[in-house]
Amino acid sequence: MKCPSCGAAASGNFCASCGNPMNAKKCPSCGVAVPPGSRFCTGCGNTLSGGRGAKERGAQSSAPGGNANLAWWVAGALMVVLFIALGYPVLTRDDGTVGGGAAPPGMGGATGGQGAVDLTTMPLEEQGNRLFNNVMNSSTVGDTAGVAFWLPKALIIYDQLAPTDPDGLYHFALLHQVGGDFEAALAKAEEGLAQIPDYLLLLAVAAEASVGLGDLAGARELYSHFLDVYDAEMALLNVFDAEMELMRPGYEHHENIFSVYRDEAQAFLSSG
């Protein structure tokens, strides 16, 4: 089987030579390889099949209406703080650079040399964790090339993992949000909220996705709900039920994020 990007013989999810997805298709606008089923290009943001592309959403957000512009600025500015607060560890190779396929210049990704990490040898869940961390770390430092490289891979693995738990769906929603696919981010968040309607992390990412889609009324409702249940939900942090299972699985991994989301909700609601 040949890699659709570089033509090298390869197998599995990713090409061992160039690191690109084996079942990727190319964006008709810019030629960047994107995973199958993607609605938006991670390179240029154009629509691939149905839905609205990032450029169209950007035009909508700049349309007349000061409240929409202010609300999006508030959410966008606090997202930078959020990614820093996430505090995901940088997952490295033996030589100290980020692992997982051939990365673009400056990324320090594995290139097949000594010490390179081969993601395909890892369990699927570990692949997902590493790729998720790489996407978030790249986004945190504003490395758009890194996001464009790691995000398609992370989405492929998360599609295969198909998480159904609230914390896994939160991670999946965040990946879509970083890629600008707010519709998919909202869908994943709503899937988790159907299980636990008061789950703070999903309420916050659903509100941010709603802002990205221009649904300010929906965002206001979600942020209001978030603040209404905030204290009660925080009281469940690290609390176990009668069967010794966490009442809110995933909260224990994100303790630094909750106050950031709370400040974001308050800023949005006070913006008018």
C-alpha atoms as a PDB file:
ATOM      1  CA  MET A   1       0.000   0.000   0.000  1.00  0.00           C
ATOM      2  CA  LYS A   2       1.397   3.407  -0.958  1.00  0.00           C
ATOM      3  CA  CYS A   3       1.114   6.606   1.062  1.00  0.00           C
ATOM      4  CA  PRO A   4      -1.202   9.079  -0.744  1.00  0.00           C
ATOM      5  CA  SER A   5       1.040  11.970   0.316  1.00  0.00           C
ATOM      6  CA  CYS A   6       4.627  10.826  -0.432  1.00  0.00           C
ATOM      7  CA  GLY A   7       4.176   7.548  -2.366  1.00  0.00           C
ATOM      8  CA  ALA A   8       6.257   5.465   0.040  1.00  0.00           C
ATOM      9  CA  ALA A   9       5.214   1.913   0.890  1.00  0.00           C
ATOM     10  CA  ALA A  10       3.369   2.048   4.206  1.00  0.00           C
ATOM     11  CA  SER A  11       0.659   0.488   6.333  1.00  0.00           C
ATOM     12  CA  GLY A  12      -1.343   1.328   9.419  1.00  0.00           C
ATOM     13  CA  ASN A  13      -2.906   4.691  10.243  1.00  0.00           C
ATOM     14  CA  PHE A  14       0.101   6.862   9.401  1.00  0.00           C
ATOM     15  CA  CYS A  15       2.941   6.765   6.872  1.00  0.00           C
ATOM     16  CA  ALA A  16       6.272   5.850   8.495  1.00  0.00           C
ATOM     17  CA  SER A  17       8.103   8.082   5.989  1.00  0.00           C
ATOM     18  CA  CYS A  18       6.162  11.364   6.060  1.00  0.00           C
ATOM     19  CA  GLY A  19       3.844  10.871   9.061  1.00  0.00           C
ATOM     20  CA  ASN A  20       0.674  11.795   7.161  1.00  0.00           C
ATOM     21  CA  PRO A  21      -2.571   9.804   7.492  1.00  0.00           C
ATOM     22  CA  MET A  22      -2.733   6.815   5.153  1.00  0.00           C
ATOM     23  CA  ASN A  23      -6.416   7.346   4.357  1.00  0.00           C
ATOM     24  CA  ALA A  24      -6.224  11.112   4.028  1.00  0.00           C
ATOM     25  CA  LYS A  25      -7.628  13.165   1.201  1.00  0.00           C
ATOM     26  CA  LYS A  26      -6.274  16.499   0.006  1.00  0.00           C
ATOM     27  CA  CYS A  27      -7.961  19.878   0.319  1.00  0.00           C
ATOM     28  CA  PRO A  28      -8.937  21.113  -3.163  1.00  0.00           C
ATOM     29  CA  SER A  29      -8.002  24.670  -2.168  1.00  0.00           C
ATOM     30  CA  CYS A  30      -4.547  24.345  -0.606  1.00  0.00           C
ATOM     31  CA  GLY A  31      -3.536  20.680  -1.047  1.00  0.00           C
ATOM     32  CA  VAL A  32      -3.094  19.945   2.672  1.00  0.00           C
ATOM     33  CA  ALA A  33      -3.832  16.314   3.609  1.00  0.00           C
ATOM     34  CA  VAL A  34      -6.943  16.014   5.778  1.00  0.00           C
ATOM     35  CA  PRO A  35      -8.544  12.934   7.384  1.00  0.00           C
ATOM     36  CA  PRO A  36     -11.588  11.364   5.733  1.00  0.00           C
ATOM     37  CA  GLY A  37     -14.894  12.747   6.907  1.00  0.00           C
ATOM     38  CA  SER A  38     -13.436  16.182   7.694  1.00  0.00           C
ATOM     39  CA  ARG A  39     -15.724  19.088   6.908  1.00  0.00           C
ATOM     40  CA  PHE A  40     -13.029  21.747   7.183  1.00  0.00           C
ATOM     41  CA  CYS A  41      -9.418  21.965   6.037  1.00  0.00           C
ATOM     42  CA  THR A  42      -6.928  22.336   8.894  1.00  0.00           C
ATOM     43  CA  GLY A  43      -4.621  24.249   6.572  1.00  0.00           C
ATOM     44  CA  CYS A  44      -6.815  26.970   5.043  1.00  0.00           C
ATOM     45  CA  GLY A  45     -10.151  26.555   6.854  1.00  0.00           C
ATOM     46  CA  ASN A  46     -12.207  26.121   3.688  1.00  0.00           C
ATOM     47  CA  THR A  47     -15.255  23.859   3.628  1.00  0.00           C
ATOM     48  CA  LEU A  48     -14.569  20.370   2.268  1.00  0.00           C
ATOM     49  CA  SER A  49     -18.086  18.939   2.176  1.00  0.00           C
ATOM     50  CA  GLY A  50     -21.082  20.771   3.541  1.00  0.00           C
ATOM     51  CA  GLY A  51     -21.266  23.048   6.547  1.00  0.00           C
ATOM     52  CA  ARG A  52     -19.581  26.395   6.884  1.00  0.00           C
ATOM     53  CA  GLY A  53     -15.864  26.934   6.556  1.00  0.00           C
ATOM     54  CA  ALA A  54     -13.751  28.997   8.918  1.00  0.00           C
ATOM     55  CA  LYS A  55     -13.629  31.897   6.437  1.00  0.00           C
ATOM     56  CA  GLU A  56     -17.425  32.079   6.253  1.00  0.00           C
ATOM     57  CA  ARG A  57     -17.678  31.936  10.043  1.00  0.00           C
ATOM     58  CA  GLY A  58     -15.116  34.702  10.272  1.00  0.00           C
ATOM     59  CA  ALA A  59     -17.176  36.860   7.921  1.00  0.00           C
ATOM     60  CA  GLN A  60     -20.246  36.215  10.054  1.00  0.00           C
ATOM     61  CA  SER A  61     -18.477  37.191  13.270  1.00  0.00           C
ATOM     62  CA  SER A  62     -17.348  40.496  11.748  1.00  0.00           C
ATOM     63  CA  ALA A  63     -20.868  41.386  10.602  1.00  0.00           C
ATOM     64  CA  PRO A  64     -22.666  44.342  12.234  1.00  0.00           C
ATOM     65  CA  GLY A  65     -23.428  43.717  15.879  1.00  0.00           C
ATOM     66  CA  GLY A  66     -21.089  44.906  18.611  1.00  0.00           C
ATOM     67  CA  ASN A  67     -22.265  42.294  21.099  1.00  0.00           C
ATOM     68  CA  ALA A  68     -21.241  39.430  18.795  1.00  0.00           C
ATOM     69  CA  ASN A  69     -17.784  40.888  18.218  1.00  0.00           C
ATOM     70  CA  LEU A  70     -17.221  41.649  21.890  1.00  0.00           C
ATOM     71  CA  ALA A  71     -18.450  38.253  23.022  1.00  0.00           C
ATOM     72  CA  TRP A  72     -16.193  36.431  20.567  1.00  0.00           C
ATOM     73  CA  TRP A  73     -13.214  38.577  21.601  1.00  0.00           C
ATOM     74  CA  VAL A  74     -13.848  37.755  25.260  1.00  0.00           C
ATOM     75  CA  ALA A  75     -14.120  34.025  24.597  1.00  0.00           C
ATOM     76  CA  GLY A  76     -11.129  34.028  22.252  1.00  0.00           C
ATOM     77  CA  ALA A  77      -8.877  35.936  24.617  1.00  0.00           C
ATOM     78  CA  LEU A  78      -9.704  33.682  27.536  1.00  0.00           C
ATOM     79  CA  MET A  79      -9.115  30.570  25.412  1.00  0.00           C
ATOM     80  CA  VAL A  80      -5.418  31.509  25.379  1.00  0.00           C
ATOM     81  CA  VAL A  81      -5.468  31.532  29.171  1.00  0.00           C
ATOM     82  CA  LEU A  82      -7.388  28.268  29.142  1.00  0.00           C
ATOM     83  CA  PHE A  83      -4.830  26.385  27.070  1.00  0.00           C
ATOM     84  CA  ILE A  84      -2.059  27.602  29.368  1.00  0.00           C
ATOM     85  CA  ALA A  85      -4.105  26.509  32.382  1.00  0.00           C
ATOM     86  CA  LEU A  86      -4.621  23.059  30.871  1.00  0.00           C
ATOM     87  CA  GLY A  87      -1.045  22.270  31.803  1.00  0.00           C
ATOM     88  CA  TYR A  88      -0.762  19.153  29.648  1.00  0.00           C
ATOM     89  CA  PRO A  89       2.780  17.717  29.899  1.00  0.00           C
ATOM     90  CA  VAL A  90       4.940  17.792  26.804  1.00  0.00           C
ATOM     91  CA  LEU A  91       5.388  14.182  25.701  1.00  0.00           C
ATOM     92  CA  THR A  92       8.921  13.761  24.380  1.00  0.00           C
ATOM     93  CA  ARG A  93      11.263  11.380  22.627  1.00  0.00           C
ATOM     94  CA  ASP A  94      14.380  10.042  24.276  1.00  0.00           C
ATOM     95  CA  ASP A  95      16.340  12.961  22.805  1.00  0.00           C
ATOM     96  CA  GLY A  96      13.911  15.505  24.280  1.00  0.00           C
ATOM     97  CA  THR A  97      11.803  16.307  21.223  1.00  0.00           C
ATOM     98  CA  VAL A  98       8.148  15.695  20.569  1.00  0.00           C
ATOM     99  CA  GLY A  99       7.448  12.248  19.160  1.00  0.00           C
ATOM    100  CA  GLY A 100       5.008  10.805  16.683  1.00  0.00           C
ATOM    101  CA  GLY A 101       5.883  10.893  12.977  1.00  0.00           C
ATOM    102  CA  ALA A 102       7.748  13.331  10.746  1.00  0.00           C
ATOM    103  CA  ALA A 103       6.992  16.843  11.927  1.00  0.00           C
ATOM    104  CA  PRO A 104       7.311  20.102   9.966  1.00  0.00           C
ATOM    105  CA  PRO A 105      10.482  22.213  10.301  1.00  0.00           C
ATOM    106  CA  GLY A 106      10.916  23.533  13.807  1.00  0.00           C
ATOM    107  CA  MET A 107       8.513  21.047  15.359  1.00  0.00           C
ATOM    108  CA  GLY A 108      11.197  18.622  16.480  1.00  0.00           C
ATOM    109  CA  GLY A 109       9.055  15.618  15.638  1.00  0.00           C
ATOM    110  CA  ALA A 110      10.336  12.078  15.237  1.00  0.00           C
ATOM    111  CA  THR A 111      12.005  11.583  11.881  1.00  0.00           C
ATOM    112  CA  GLY A 112      12.780   7.906  12.027  1.00  0.00           C
ATOM    113  CA  GLY A 113      16.167   8.401  13.617  1.00  0.00           C
ATOM    114  CA  GLN A 114      17.471   6.823  16.801  1.00  0.00           C
ATOM    115  CA  GLY A 115      15.197   7.469  19.762  1.00  0.00           C
ATOM    116  CA  ALA A 116      12.119   8.300  17.682  1.00  0.00           C
ATOM    117  CA  VAL A 117       8.797   7.214  19.131  1.00  0.00           C
ATOM    118  CA  ASP A 118       6.654   5.084  16.805  1.00  0.00           C
ATOM    119  CA  LEU A 119       3.052   5.810  17.746  1.00  0.00           C
ATOM    120  CA  THR A 120       1.811   2.748  15.875  1.00  0.00           C
ATOM    121  CA  THR A 121       3.509   0.483  18.443  1.00  0.00           C
ATOM    122  CA  MET A 122       1.444   1.995  21.265  1.00  0.00           C
ATOM    123  CA  PRO A 123      -2.077   1.118  22.408  1.00  0.00           C
ATOM    124  CA  LEU A 124      -4.696   3.253  20.688  1.00  0.00           C
ATOM    125  CA  GLU A 125      -5.555   5.148  23.874  1.00  0.00           C
ATOM    126  CA  GLU A 126      -1.914   6.140  24.431  1.00  0.00           C
ATOM    127  CA  GLN A 127      -1.686   7.284  20.810  1.00  0.00           C
ATOM    128  CA  GLY A 128      -4.736   9.459  21.415  1.00  0.00           C
ATOM    129  CA  ASN A 129      -3.295  10.934  24.622  1.00  0.00           C
ATOM    130  CA  ARG A 130       0.021  11.798  22.976  1.00  0.00           C
ATOM    131  CA  LEU A 131      -1.532  13.323  19.899  1.00  0.00           C
ATOM    132  CA  PHE A 132      -4.020  15.297  22.007  1.00  0.00           C
ATOM    133  CA  ASN A 133      -1.165  16.681  24.095  1.00  0.00           C
ATOM    134  CA  ASN A 134       0.795  17.614  20.971  1.00  0.00           C
ATOM    135  CA  VAL A 135      -2.181  19.489  19.547  1.00  0.00           C
ATOM    136  CA  MET A 136      -2.788  21.377  22.791  1.00  0.00           C
ATOM    137  CA  ASN A 137       0.875  22.205  23.319  1.00  0.00           C
ATOM    138  CA  SER A 138       1.155  23.495  19.743  1.00  0.00           C
ATOM    139  CA  SER A 139      -2.007  25.570  20.180  1.00  0.00           C
ATOM    140  CA  THR A 140      -0.764  26.980  23.487  1.00  0.00           C
ATOM    141  CA  VAL A 141       2.371  28.457  21.913  1.00  0.00           C
ATOM    142  CA  GLY A 142       0.609  29.596  18.740  1.00  0.00           C
ATOM    143  CA  ASP A 143       2.342  27.007  16.550  1.00  0.00           C
ATOM    144  CA  THR A 144      -0.125  26.802  13.657  1.00  0.00           C
ATOM    145  CA  ALA A 145       2.137  24.470  11.680  1.00  0.00           C
ATOM    146  CA  GLY A 146       2.224  22.091  14.626  1.00  0.00           C
ATOM    147  CA  VAL A 147      -1.553  22.192  15.012  1.00  0.00           C
ATOM    148  CA  ALA A 148      -2.023  21.536  11.285  1.00  0.00           C
ATOM    149  CA  PHE A 149       0.356  18.568  11.528  1.00  0.00           C
ATOM    150  CA  TRP A 150      -0.904  16.901  14.705  1.00  0.00           C
ATOM    151  CA  LEU A 151      -4.644  17.657  14.587  1.00  0.00           C
ATOM    152  CA  PRO A 152      -5.630  15.401  11.638  1.00  0.00           C
ATOM    153  CA  LYS A 153      -3.813  12.494  13.281  1.00  0.00           C
ATOM    154  CA  ALA A 154      -5.467  13.145  16.642  1.00  0.00           C
ATOM    155  CA  LEU A 155      -8.925  13.276  15.048  1.00  0.00           C
ATOM    156  CA  ILE A 156      -8.333   9.964  13.251  1.00  0.00           C
ATOM    157  CA  ILE A 157      -7.355   8.230  16.499  1.00  0.00           C
ATOM    158  CA  TYR A 158     -10.227   9.787  18.467  1.00  0.00           C
ATOM    159  CA  ASP A 159     -12.641   8.666  15.756  1.00  0.00           C
ATOM    160  CA  GLN A 160     -11.339   5.127  16.299  1.00  0.00           C
ATOM    161  CA  LEU A 161     -11.455   5.424  20.094  1.00  0.00           C
ATOM    162  CA  ALA A 162     -15.011   6.818  19.877  1.00  0.00           C
ATOM    163  CA  PRO A 163     -15.096   7.957  23.533  1.00  0.00           C
ATOM    164  CA  THR A 164     -18.474   7.937  25.223  1.00  0.00           C
ATOM    165  CA  ASP A 165     -17.470   9.142  28.706  1.00  0.00           C
ATOM    166  CA  PRO A 166     -17.806  12.883  29.502  1.00  0.00           C
ATOM    167  CA  ASP A 167     -14.067  13.473  29.920  1.00  0.00           C
ATOM    168  CA  GLY A 168     -13.219  11.738  26.636  1.00  0.00           C
ATOM    169  CA  LEU A 169     -15.945  13.681  24.845  1.00  0.00           C
ATOM    170  CA  TYR A 170     -14.561  16.898  26.357  1.00  0.00           C
ATOM    171  CA  HIS A 171     -11.143  16.124  24.856  1.00  0.00           C
ATOM    172  CA  PHE A 172     -12.738  15.256  21.503  1.00  0.00           C
ATOM    173  CA  ALA A 173     -14.721  18.513  21.547  1.00  0.00           C
ATOM    174  CA  LEU A 174     -11.578  20.519  22.325  1.00  0.00           C
ATOM    175  CA  LEU A 175      -9.780  18.989  19.330  1.00  0.00           C
ATOM    176  CA  HIS A 176     -12.623  20.015  17.033  1.00  0.00           C
ATOM    177  CA  GLN A 177     -12.651  23.474  18.593  1.00  0.00           C
ATOM    178  CA  VAL A 178      -8.928  23.966  17.974  1.00  0.00           C
ATOM    179  CA  GLY A 179      -9.554  22.989  14.344  1.00  0.00           C
ATOM    180  CA  GLY A 180     -12.327  25.573  14.040  1.00  0.00           C
ATOM    181  CA  ASP A 181     -15.084  22.989  13.588  1.00  0.00           C
ATOM    182  CA  PHE A 182     -17.471  24.447  16.145  1.00  0.00           C
ATOM    183  CA  GLU A 183     -20.405  22.361  14.929  1.00  0.00           C
ATOM    184  CA  ALA A 184     -18.546  19.122  15.683  1.00  0.00           C
ATOM    185  CA  ALA A 185     -17.274  20.520  19.001  1.00  0.00           C
ATOM    186  CA  LEU A 186     -20.821  21.384  20.061  1.00  0.00           C
ATOM    187  CA  ALA A 187     -22.113  17.975  18.980  1.00  0.00           C
ATOM    188  CA  LYS A 188     -19.525  16.145  21.108  1.00  0.00           C
ATOM    189  CA  ALA A 189     -20.231  18.393  24.081  1.00  0.00           C
ATOM    190  CA  GLU A 190     -23.971  17.832  23.786  1.00  0.00           C
ATOM    191  CA  GLU A 191     -23.405  14.073  23.608  1.00  0.00           C
ATOM    192  CA  GLY A 192     -21.725  14.214  27.006  1.00  0.00           C
ATOM    193  CA  LEU A 193     -24.252  16.656  28.472  1.00  0.00           C
ATOM    194  CA  ALA A 194     -27.004  14.191  27.629  1.00  0.00           C
ATOM    195  CA  GLN A 195     -25.371  11.932  30.244  1.00  0.00           C
ATOM    196  CA  ILE A 196     -24.503  14.574  32.858  1.00  0.00           C
ATOM    197  CA  PRO A 197     -26.317  17.880  32.135  1.00  0.00           C
ATOM    198  CA  ASP A 198     -24.311  19.771  34.776  1.00  0.00           C
ATOM    199  CA  TYR A 199     -20.822  18.596  33.701  1.00  0.00           C
ATOM    200  CA  LEU A 200     -18.885  21.865  33.889  1.00  0.00           C
ATOM    201  CA  LEU A 201     -16.199  21.118  31.311  1.00  0.00           C
ATOM    202  CA  LEU A 202     -18.744  20.214  28.648  1.00  0.00           C
ATOM    203  CA  LEU A 203     -20.961  23.200  29.468  1.00  0.00           C
ATOM    204  CA  ALA A 204     -17.986  25.510  28.978  1.00  0.00           C
ATOM    205  CA  VAL A 205     -16.779  24.039  25.692  1.00  0.00           C
ATOM    206  CA  ALA A 206     -20.373  23.927  24.400  1.00  0.00           C
ATOM    207  CA  ALA A 207     -20.749  27.626  25.236  1.00  0.00           C
ATOM    208  CA  GLU A 208     -17.500  28.477  23.436  1.00  0.00           C
ATOM    209  CA  ALA A 209     -18.578  26.471  20.398  1.00  0.00           C
ATOM    210  CA  SER A 210     -21.917  28.299  20.403  1.00  0.00           C
ATOM    211  CA  VAL A 211     -20.084  31.624  20.391  1.00  0.00           C
ATOM    212  CA  GLY A 212     -17.992  30.406  17.471  1.00  0.00           C
ATOM    213  CA  LEU A 213     -21.184  29.551  15.587  1.00  0.00           C
ATOM    214  CA  GLY A 214     -22.673  32.966  16.310  1.00  0.00           C
ATOM    215  CA  ASP A 215     -25.364  31.545  18.612  1.00  0.00           C
ATOM    216  CA  LEU A 216     -24.957  34.088  21.406  1.00  0.00           C
ATOM    217  CA  ALA A 217     -28.330  33.262  22.965  1.00  0.00           C
ATOM    218  CA  GLY A 218     -27.328  29.609  23.223  1.00  0.00           C
ATOM    219  CA  ALA A 219     -23.953  30.569  24.682  1.00  0.00           C
ATOM    220  CA  ARG A 220     -25.627  32.810  27.246  1.00  0.00           C
ATOM    221  CA  GLU A 221     -27.914  29.974  28.343  1.00  0.00           C
ATOM    222  CA  LEU A 222     -24.992  27.547  28.659  1.00  0.00           C
ATOM    223  CA  TYR A 223     -22.785  29.997  30.546  1.00  0.00           C
ATOM    224  CA  SER A 224     -25.668  30.856  32.899  1.00  0.00           C
ATOM    225  CA  HIS A 225     -26.242  27.170  33.583  1.00  0.00           C
ATOM    226  CA  PHE A 226     -22.502  26.748  34.177  1.00  0.00           C
ATOM    227  CA  LEU A 227     -22.479  29.469  36.847  1.00  0.00           C
ATOM    228  CA  ASP A 228     -25.724  28.226  38.418  1.00  0.00           C
ATOM    229  CA  VAL A 229     -24.294  24.749  39.079  1.00  0.00           C
ATOM    230  CA  TYR A 230     -20.644  25.742  39.581  1.00  0.00           C
ATOM    231  CA  ASP A 231     -20.464  25.509  43.369  1.00  0.00           C
ATOM    232  CA  ALA A 232     -22.454  22.274  43.552  1.00  0.00           C
ATOM    233  CA  GLU A 233     -20.325  20.663  40.858  1.00  0.00           C
ATOM    234  CA  MET A 234     -17.040  21.761  42.407  1.00  0.00           C
ATOM    235  CA  ALA A 235     -18.191  20.138  45.644  1.00  0.00           C
ATOM    236  CA  LEU A 236     -18.111  16.811  43.745  1.00  0.00           C
ATOM    237  CA  LEU A 237     -14.410  17.127  42.883  1.00  0.00           C
ATOM    238  CA  ASN A 238     -12.686  13.921  44.063  1.00  0.00           C
ATOM    239  CA  VAL A 239     -15.921  12.676  45.683  1.00  0.00           C
ATOM    240  CA  PHE A 240     -16.716   8.966  45.305  1.00  0.00           C
ATOM    241  CA  ASP A 241     -20.141   7.323  45.223  1.00  0.00           C
ATOM    242  CA  ALA A 242     -21.248   4.199  47.101  1.00  0.00           C
ATOM    243  CA  GLU A 243     -19.569   1.990  44.488  1.00  0.00           C
ATOM    244  CA  MET A 244     -16.269   3.869  44.956  1.00  0.00           C
ATOM    245  CA  GLU A 245     -16.463   5.503  41.556  1.00  0.00           C
ATOM    246  CA  LEU A 246     -15.809   9.192  41.061  1.00  0.00           C
ATOM    247  CA  MET A 247     -18.981  11.241  40.897  1.00  0.00           C
ATOM    248  CA  ARG A 248     -17.450  13.401  38.164  1.00  0.00           C
ATOM    249  CA  PRO A 249     -14.734  11.451  36.342  1.00  0.00           C
ATOM    250  CA  GLY A 250     -12.289  13.780  34.630  1.00  0.00           C
ATOM    251  CA  TYR A 251     -12.650  16.659  37.074  1.00  0.00           C
ATOM    252  CA  GLU A 252      -9.592  15.478  38.993  1.00  0.00           C
ATOM    253  CA  HIS A 253      -7.391  15.964  35.908  1.00  0.00           C
ATOM    254  CA  HIS A 254      -8.505  19.539  35.225  1.00  0.00           C
ATOM    255  CA  GLU A 255      -8.567  21.310  38.581  1.00  0.00           C
ATOM    256  CA  ASN A 256      -6.784  24.395  37.187  1.00  0.00           C
ATOM    257  CA  ILE A 257      -9.320  24.908  34.401  1.00  0.00           C
ATOM    258  CA  PHE A 258     -12.529  25.438  36.328  1.00  0.00           C
ATOM    259  CA  SER A 259     -11.768  28.936  37.622  1.00  0.00           C
ATOM    260  CA  VAL A 260     -10.665  29.971  34.122  1.00  0.00           C
ATOM    261  CA  TYR A 261     -13.958  28.778  32.657  1.00  0.00           C
ATOM    262  CA  ARG A 262     -15.837  30.528  35.480  1.00  0.00           C
ATOM    263  CA  ASP A 263     -14.080  33.826  34.725  1.00  0.00           C
ATOM    264  CA  GLU A 264     -14.817  33.322  31.029  1.00  0.00           C
ATOM    265  CA  ALA A 265     -18.516  32.770  31.736  1.00  0.00           C
ATOM    266  CA  GLN A 266     -18.733  35.845  33.946  1.00  0.00           C
ATOM    267  CA  ALA A 267     -16.918  37.994  31.371  1.00  0.00           C
ATOM    268  CA  PHE A 268     -19.201  36.815  28.594  1.00  0.00           C
ATOM    269  CA  LEU A 269     -22.411  37.438  30.536  1.00  0.00           C
ATOM    270  CA  SER A 270     -21.229  40.898  31.670  1.00  0.00           C
ATOM    271  CA  SER A 271     -20.378  41.862  28.060  1.00  0.00           C
ATOM    272  CA  GLY A 272     -24.038  42.431  27.335  1.00  0.00           C
END
